């Protein structure tokens, strides 16, 4: 397995958090309705990749009950990570903070993204280890997932008084954990051999599914009130259709 390619793909995917931050710097606050749509779109993309790509390909490598175990391990792993995040306190001493609650929420999101990007890097490595087009597809879908998360990180930091470019840098650095995860995944696959690919794909499907149902969709609804909840479902459906079409193009 060529280790450099999944690392490069994960660098591209991880840098999308910085793109989200640049959008905030360039255009200012994104409206709640637009953020709800973007988060919904990202959720739709992630769900399609999780089940129509990663899970299906995992079943082609392993018997279904083993894929179910791998999927469960992925979801439980991410749940344990999330249970630990609220206990992280960081940046309370920073100068120039106007609103500590907003600042802390942004820092926690950034730390959470960093930790989430590590297994997402493993997802890219697992996909590429199975098939090059699957690795490319996963990396592209994670890009669409990371852009709204970059916006969600940078906006509260800027509102709290953090300099714009420092906030963008924080978001970008959090995304750089993804190539670290890709390196880890690629090395493990190279050492253990292709027998672990099926388990890796099942684990990856669990990770992406948990991130979608625990974060993207709930956060999307937080941005949109009941009067605009259709923005989330519209984004979700468009994201799913978009991911299906892109999958068809890449597989063709």
Protein backbone atom coordinates (compact mmCIF):
# COMPACT_ATOMS: atom_id res chain seq x y z
CA UNK A 1 0.00 0.00 0.00
CA UNK A 2 1.33 3.46 -0.95
CA UNK A 3 1.32 5.33 2.37
CA UNK A 4 1.84 8.78 0.85
CA UNK A 5 -1.40 8.88 -1.17
CA UNK A 6 -3.88 8.48 1.76
CA UNK A 7 -1.81 10.98 3.75
CA UNK A 8 -2.06 13.50 0.89
CA UNK A 9 -5.80 12.86 0.56
CA UNK A 10 -6.28 13.38 4.29
CA UNK A 11 -4.26 16.63 4.18
CA UNK A 12 -6.70 17.90 1.53
CA UNK A 13 -9.71 16.74 3.55
CA UNK A 14 -8.38 18.12 6.83
CA UNK A 15 -7.49 21.52 5.36
CA UNK A 16 -11.18 22.05 4.59
CA UNK A 17 -11.65 23.19 8.19
CA UNK A 18 -9.41 26.14 7.35
CA UNK A 19 -11.55 26.84 4.27
CA UNK A 20 -14.56 27.06 6.57
CA UNK A 21 -12.70 29.57 8.69
CA UNK A 22 -11.75 31.65 5.66
CA UNK A 23 -15.42 31.79 4.66
CA UNK A 24 -16.22 33.38 8.01
CA UNK A 25 -13.36 35.89 7.64
CA UNK A 26 -14.42 36.81 4.11
CA UNK A 27 -18.21 36.90 4.46
CA UNK A 28 -18.77 37.34 8.20
CA UNK A 29 -21.37 35.39 10.14
CA UNK A 30 -23.24 32.74 8.20
CA UNK A 31 -26.99 32.84 8.81
CA UNK A 32 -28.50 30.11 10.95
CA UNK A 33 -30.63 28.89 8.05
CA UNK A 34 -27.58 28.50 5.82
CA UNK A 35 -25.63 26.77 8.57
CA UNK A 36 -28.53 24.39 9.14
CA UNK A 37 -28.56 23.58 5.44
CA UNK A 38 -24.78 23.10 5.28
CA UNK A 39 -24.73 20.84 8.33
CA UNK A 40 -27.64 18.85 6.91
CA UNK A 41 -25.86 18.56 3.56
CA UNK A 42 -22.71 17.31 5.29
CA UNK A 43 -24.79 14.81 7.27
CA UNK A 44 -26.41 13.45 4.11
CA UNK A 45 -23.03 13.05 2.45
CA UNK A 46 -21.59 11.23 5.46
CA UNK A 47 -24.53 8.83 5.79
CA UNK A 48 -24.35 7.76 2.15
CA UNK A 49 -20.61 7.20 2.32
CA UNK A 50 -20.97 5.30 5.60
CA UNK A 51 -23.57 2.80 4.41
CA UNK A 52 -23.50 2.69 0.60
CA UNK A 53 -19.72 2.74 0.37
CA UNK A 54 -17.83 1.81 3.54
CA UNK A 55 -20.33 -0.67 5.01
CA UNK A 56 -21.07 -2.32 1.66
CA UNK A 57 -17.37 -2.67 0.87
CA UNK A 58 -16.72 -4.04 4.36
CA UNK A 59 -19.27 -6.80 3.75
CA UNK A 60 -17.41 -7.71 0.57
CA UNK A 61 -14.34 -8.36 2.73
CA UNK A 62 -15.86 -9.89 5.87
CA UNK A 63 -18.88 -11.91 6.91
CA UNK A 64 -21.71 -9.61 8.07
CA UNK A 65 -21.47 -10.42 11.79
CA UNK A 66 -17.80 -9.38 11.84
CA UNK A 67 -18.66 -6.13 10.04
CA UNK A 68 -21.34 -5.49 12.67
CA UNK A 69 -18.75 -5.92 15.42
CA UNK A 70 -16.32 -3.56 13.65
CA UNK A 71 -19.12 -1.00 13.14
CA UNK A 72 -20.05 -1.22 16.83
CA UNK A 73 -16.43 -0.72 17.89
CA UNK A 74 -16.28 2.42 15.74
CA UNK A 75 -19.44 3.92 17.25
CA UNK A 76 -18.48 3.05 20.84
CA UNK A 77 -15.01 4.51 20.31
CA UNK A 78 -16.43 7.84 19.17
CA UNK A 79 -18.97 7.84 21.99
CA UNK A 80 -16.22 7.39 24.56
CA UNK A 81 -14.29 10.27 22.97
CA UNK A 82 -17.36 12.52 23.20
CA UNK A 83 -17.98 11.62 26.83
CA UNK A 84 -14.48 12.86 27.69
CA UNK A 85 -14.61 16.13 25.74
CA UNK A 86 -16.85 18.14 28.14
CA UNK A 87 -14.17 17.77 30.84
CA UNK A 88 -11.54 19.57 28.77
CA UNK A 89 -10.83 23.10 29.97
CA UNK A 90 -8.53 25.14 27.79
CA UNK A 91 -7.81 28.78 27.05
CA UNK A 92 -9.37 30.26 30.20
CA UNK A 93 -6.25 32.39 30.66
CA UNK A 94 -6.16 33.80 27.11
CA UNK A 95 -6.01 37.58 26.82
CA UNK A 96 -8.64 39.51 24.95
CA UNK A 97 -11.49 37.07 25.59
CA UNK A 98 -14.77 38.99 25.66
CA UNK A 99 -17.08 36.03 26.19
CA UNK A 100 -15.59 32.99 27.88
CA UNK A 101 -18.60 30.81 27.15
CA UNK A 102 -18.33 31.41 23.42
CA UNK A 103 -14.55 31.06 23.55
CA UNK A 104 -14.70 27.78 25.41
CA UNK A 105 -17.34 26.40 23.07
CA UNK A 106 -15.10 27.18 20.12
CA UNK A 107 -12.04 25.67 21.79
CA UNK A 108 -13.95 22.52 22.73
CA UNK A 109 -15.25 22.23 19.17
CA UNK A 110 -11.69 22.62 17.88
CA UNK A 111 -10.33 20.01 20.28
CA UNK A 112 -13.23 17.74 19.44
CA UNK A 113 -12.56 18.20 15.73
CA UNK A 114 -8.89 17.37 16.27
CA UNK A 115 -9.77 14.14 18.03
CA UNK A 116 -12.44 13.31 15.45
CA UNK A 117 -10.11 14.04 12.57
CA UNK A 118 -7.68 11.39 13.77
CA UNK A 119 -10.09 8.47 13.18
CA UNK A 120 -11.34 10.22 10.03
CA UNK A 121 -7.78 9.95 8.75
CA UNK A 122 -7.98 6.23 9.48
CA UNK A 123 -11.21 6.20 7.46
CA UNK A 124 -9.37 7.63 4.44
CA UNK A 125 -6.54 5.11 4.80
CA UNK A 126 -8.99 2.21 5.11
CA UNK A 127 -10.94 3.33 2.05
CA UNK A 128 -7.82 3.80 -0.03
CA UNK A 129 -6.44 0.46 1.14
CA UNK A 130 -9.53 -1.23 -0.28
CA UNK A 131 -9.75 0.76 -3.52
CA UNK A 132 -8.18 4.01 -4.69
CA UNK A 133 -11.53 5.46 -5.84
CA UNK A 134 -13.08 4.72 -2.44
CA UNK A 135 -10.27 6.59 -0.68
CA UNK A 136 -10.75 9.57 -2.99
CA UNK A 137 -14.53 9.52 -2.45
CA UNK A 138 -14.18 9.37 1.33
CA UNK A 139 -11.65 12.21 1.35
CA UNK A 140 -13.96 14.40 -0.79
CA UNK A 141 -16.95 13.68 1.44
CA UNK A 142 -14.97 14.52 4.56
CA UNK A 143 -14.06 17.82 2.88
CA UNK A 144 -17.76 18.68 2.63
CA UNK A 145 -18.14 17.64 6.26
CA UNK A 146 -15.20 19.73 7.51
CA UNK A 147 -16.12 23.05 5.86
CA UNK A 148 -19.23 23.71 8.02
CA UNK A 149 -17.35 22.42 11.07
CA UNK A 150 -14.63 24.97 10.33
CA UNK A 151 -17.30 27.68 10.24
CA UNK A 152 -18.73 26.40 13.54
CA UNK A 153 -15.26 26.61 15.12
CA UNK A 154 -14.13 30.01 13.89
CA UNK A 155 -17.38 31.96 14.39
CA UNK A 156 -17.58 31.67 18.21
CA UNK A 157 -13.85 32.31 18.57
CA UNK A 158 -14.04 35.56 16.60
CA UNK A 159 -17.13 36.64 18.55
CA UNK A 160 -15.20 36.00 21.76
CA UNK A 161 -12.46 38.41 20.68
CA UNK A 162 -9.88 35.98 19.32
CA UNK A 163 -8.03 37.51 16.33
CA UNK A 164 -9.47 36.30 13.03
CA UNK A 165 -6.33 34.70 11.70
CA UNK A 166 -5.56 32.98 14.98
CA UNK A 167 -9.05 31.48 14.90
CA UNK A 168 -8.54 30.31 11.31
CA UNK A 169 -5.16 28.87 12.29
CA UNK A 170 -6.73 26.96 15.16
CA UNK A 171 -9.33 25.45 12.85
CA UNK A 172 -6.68 24.54 10.28
CA UNK A 173 -4.43 22.94 12.87
CA UNK A 174 -7.30 20.84 14.17
CA UNK A 175 -7.73 19.48 10.64
CA UNK A 176 -4.06 18.48 10.49
CA UNK A 177 -4.76 15.64 12.90
CA UNK A 178 -6.35 13.87 9.94
CA UNK A 179 -3.10 13.05 8.09
CA UNK A 180 -1.72 11.81 11.42
CA UNK A 181 -4.64 9.38 11.57
CA UNK A 182 -4.11 8.43 7.93
CA UNK A 183 -0.44 7.70 8.62
CA UNK A 184 -1.40 5.55 11.61
CA UNK A 185 -4.02 3.65 9.60
CA UNK A 186 -1.76 3.14 6.60
CA UNK A 187 1.11 1.85 8.76
CA UNK A 188 -1.19 -0.58 10.59
CA UNK A 189 -2.60 -1.87 7.30
CA UNK A 190 0.90 -2.25 5.86
CA UNK A 191 2.14 -4.12 8.96
CA UNK A 192 -0.89 -6.35 9.55
CA UNK A 193 -1.74 -6.90 5.89
CA UNK A 194 -4.89 -6.62 3.81
CA UNK A 195 -6.79 -8.96 6.16
CA UNK A 196 -7.52 -5.95 8.38
CA UNK A 197 -9.13 -3.93 5.58
CA UNK A 198 -12.63 -5.31 6.19
CA UNK A 199 -12.42 -4.53 9.89
CA UNK A 200 -11.06 -1.06 9.11
CA UNK A 201 -13.94 -0.32 6.73
CA UNK A 202 -16.53 -1.45 9.28
CA UNK A 203 -14.85 0.64 11.98
CA UNK A 204 -14.76 3.62 9.62
CA UNK A 205 -18.48 3.27 8.86
CA UNK A 206 -19.23 3.31 12.59
CA UNK A 207 -17.08 6.39 13.19
CA UNK A 208 -18.70 8.40 10.40
CA UNK A 209 -22.22 7.32 11.33
CA UNK A 210 -21.75 8.35 14.95
CA UNK A 211 -20.33 11.76 13.99
CA UNK A 212 -23.34 12.30 11.70
CA UNK A 213 -26.16 11.32 14.06
CA UNK A 214 -24.60 12.69 17.24
CA UNK A 215 -23.21 15.97 15.92
CA UNK A 216 -24.01 17.08 12.39
CA UNK A 217 -27.78 16.51 12.39
CA UNK A 218 -28.44 17.69 15.98
CA UNK A 219 -26.25 20.79 15.48
CA UNK A 220 -28.02 21.52 12.19
CA UNK A 221 -31.37 21.56 14.03
CA UNK A 222 -29.91 23.83 16.71
CA UNK A 223 -29.12 26.38 14.02
CA UNK A 224 -32.60 26.16 12.52
CA UNK A 225 -35.75 26.88 14.47
CA UNK A 226 -38.89 24.78 14.04
CA UNK A 227 -40.07 27.23 11.40
CA UNK A 228 -36.99 26.47 9.28
CA UNK A 229 -36.37 22.81 10.09
CA UNK A 230 -37.06 21.98 6.44
CA UNK A 231 -33.69 23.59 5.65
CA UNK A 232 -31.98 20.73 7.50
CA UNK A 233 -33.96 17.99 5.80
CA UNK A 234 -33.48 19.67 2.41
CA UNK A 235 -29.74 19.85 2.96
CA UNK A 236 -29.72 16.24 4.17
CA UNK A 237 -31.51 14.95 1.07
CA UNK A 238 -29.47 17.04 -1.36
CA UNK A 239 -26.28 15.86 0.34
CA UNK A 240 -27.34 12.23 0.01
CA UNK A 241 -28.19 12.61 -3.69
CA UNK A 242 -24.95 14.49 -4.30
CA UNK A 243 -22.90 11.74 -2.62
CA UNK A 244 -24.70 9.05 -4.64
CA UNK A 245 -24.01 10.85 -7.92
CA UNK A 246 -20.37 11.49 -7.06
CA UNK A 247 -19.99 7.83 -6.11
CA UNK A 248 -21.37 6.79 -9.49
CA UNK A 249 -18.92 9.07 -11.29
CA UNK A 250 -15.89 7.82 -9.36
CA UNK A 251 -16.84 4.15 -9.66
CA UNK A 252 -17.43 4.59 -13.38
